[in-house]
C-alpha cells in the first residue's frame, strides 16, 4: 500500500510544520526526536506496569487461599449491599 505511507508522511509533515511554526521546535527532525523519546518513555512505562502486575499476581498466589466469606467481608468493609 504505497499510498498509505505517503499519507502518513504527509500527515507527519503537516504536524511537524505546525509544531515548528508554534516555536516549540526548531525543525522537523527535532519534532521526530521528541516523538521517538515520548514513545520510548511510554514503552518503558508499559513495561513497568506489566512487571508491577506480575509481582502483584505472584503475591496473591503466594498468599494462599482466602478463607471464609471474602466477598461478604469486602461488602461490609465498603458498605455495599448483599447480593443475596
Protein backbone atom coordinates (compact mmCIF):
# COMPACT_ATOMS: atom_id res chain seq x y z
CA UNK A 1 0.00 0.00 0.00
CA UNK A 2 2.29 2.77 -1.21
CA UNK A 3 -0.34 5.48 -0.76
CA UNK A 4 -0.68 4.72 2.96
CA UNK A 5 2.98 5.56 3.58
CA UNK A 6 2.64 8.76 1.60
CA UNK A 7 -0.43 9.68 3.63
CA UNK A 8 1.38 9.11 6.93
CA UNK A 9 4.38 11.10 5.70
CA UNK A 10 2.17 14.00 4.61
CA UNK A 11 0.32 13.90 7.92
CA UNK A 12 3.60 13.99 9.85
CA UNK A 13 4.93 16.82 7.70
CA UNK A 14 1.81 18.86 8.46
CA UNK A 15 2.04 18.12 12.18
CA UNK A 16 5.77 18.89 12.27
CA UNK A 17 5.23 22.14 10.37
CA UNK A 18 2.62 23.22 12.93
CA UNK A 19 4.99 22.41 15.80
CA UNK A 20 7.85 24.34 14.20
CA UNK A 21 5.56 27.27 13.39
CA UNK A 22 4.47 27.38 17.05
CA UNK A 23 8.10 27.89 18.02
CA UNK A 24 8.20 24.78 20.16
CA UNK A 25 10.71 23.07 17.86
CA UNK A 26 13.43 24.31 15.54
CA UNK A 27 12.80 21.83 12.72
CA UNK A 28 11.01 18.60 11.76
CA UNK A 29 13.94 16.45 12.91
CA UNK A 30 13.56 17.86 16.42
CA UNK A 31 9.83 17.03 16.34
CA UNK A 32 10.65 13.47 15.28
CA UNK A 33 13.24 13.09 18.05
CA UNK A 34 10.73 14.32 20.64
CA UNK A 35 8.13 11.88 19.32
CA UNK A 36 10.62 8.99 19.49
CA UNK A 37 11.58 9.92 23.05
CA UNK A 38 7.90 10.09 24.09
CA UNK A 39 7.24 6.65 22.56
CA UNK A 40 10.28 5.22 24.34
CA UNK A 41 9.07 6.61 27.69
CA UNK A 42 5.60 5.20 27.05
CA UNK A 43 7.03 1.77 26.24
CA UNK A 44 9.15 1.86 29.40
CA UNK A 45 6.10 2.83 31.48
CA UNK A 46 4.13 -0.04 29.94
CA UNK A 47 6.94 -2.46 30.80
CA UNK A 48 6.96 -1.20 34.40
CA UNK A 49 3.16 -1.59 34.61
CA UNK A 50 3.36 -5.17 33.36
CA UNK A 51 6.11 -6.01 35.84
CA UNK A 52 4.10 -4.46 38.70
CA UNK A 53 1.07 -6.55 37.72
CA UNK A 54 3.17 -9.72 37.53
CA UNK A 55 4.51 -9.07 41.02
CA UNK A 56 1.03 -8.36 42.39
CA UNK A 57 -0.32 -11.56 40.85
CA UNK A 58 2.54 -13.55 42.32
CA UNK A 59 1.97 -12.01 45.75
CA UNK A 60 -1.67 -13.04 45.51
CA UNK A 61 -0.74 -16.57 44.54
CA UNK A 62 1.87 -16.78 47.31
CA UNK A 63 -0.59 -15.51 49.93
CA UNK A 64 -2.62 -18.70 49.68
CA UNK A 65 -6.32 -19.38 49.58
CA UNK A 66 -8.59 -16.94 51.40
CA UNK A 67 -10.86 -18.48 53.98
CA UNK A 68 -14.39 -17.60 54.95
CA UNK A 69 -16.73 -15.22 53.17
CA UNK A 70 -14.19 -12.94 51.49
CA UNK A 71 -16.76 -11.10 49.40
CA UNK A 72 -19.01 -10.67 52.42
CA UNK A 73 -16.15 -9.05 54.33
CA UNK A 74 -15.45 -6.72 51.41
CA UNK A 75 -19.13 -5.77 51.12
CA UNK A 76 -19.21 -5.00 54.85
CA UNK A 77 -15.95 -3.03 54.70
CA UNK A 78 -17.17 -0.87 51.83
CA UNK A 79 -20.82 -0.70 52.94
CA UNK A 80 -22.05 -2.50 49.82
CA UNK A 81 -25.40 -4.28 49.68
CA UNK A 82 -25.52 -8.04 49.85
CA UNK A 83 -26.10 -9.80 46.55
CA UNK A 84 -28.44 -12.35 48.10
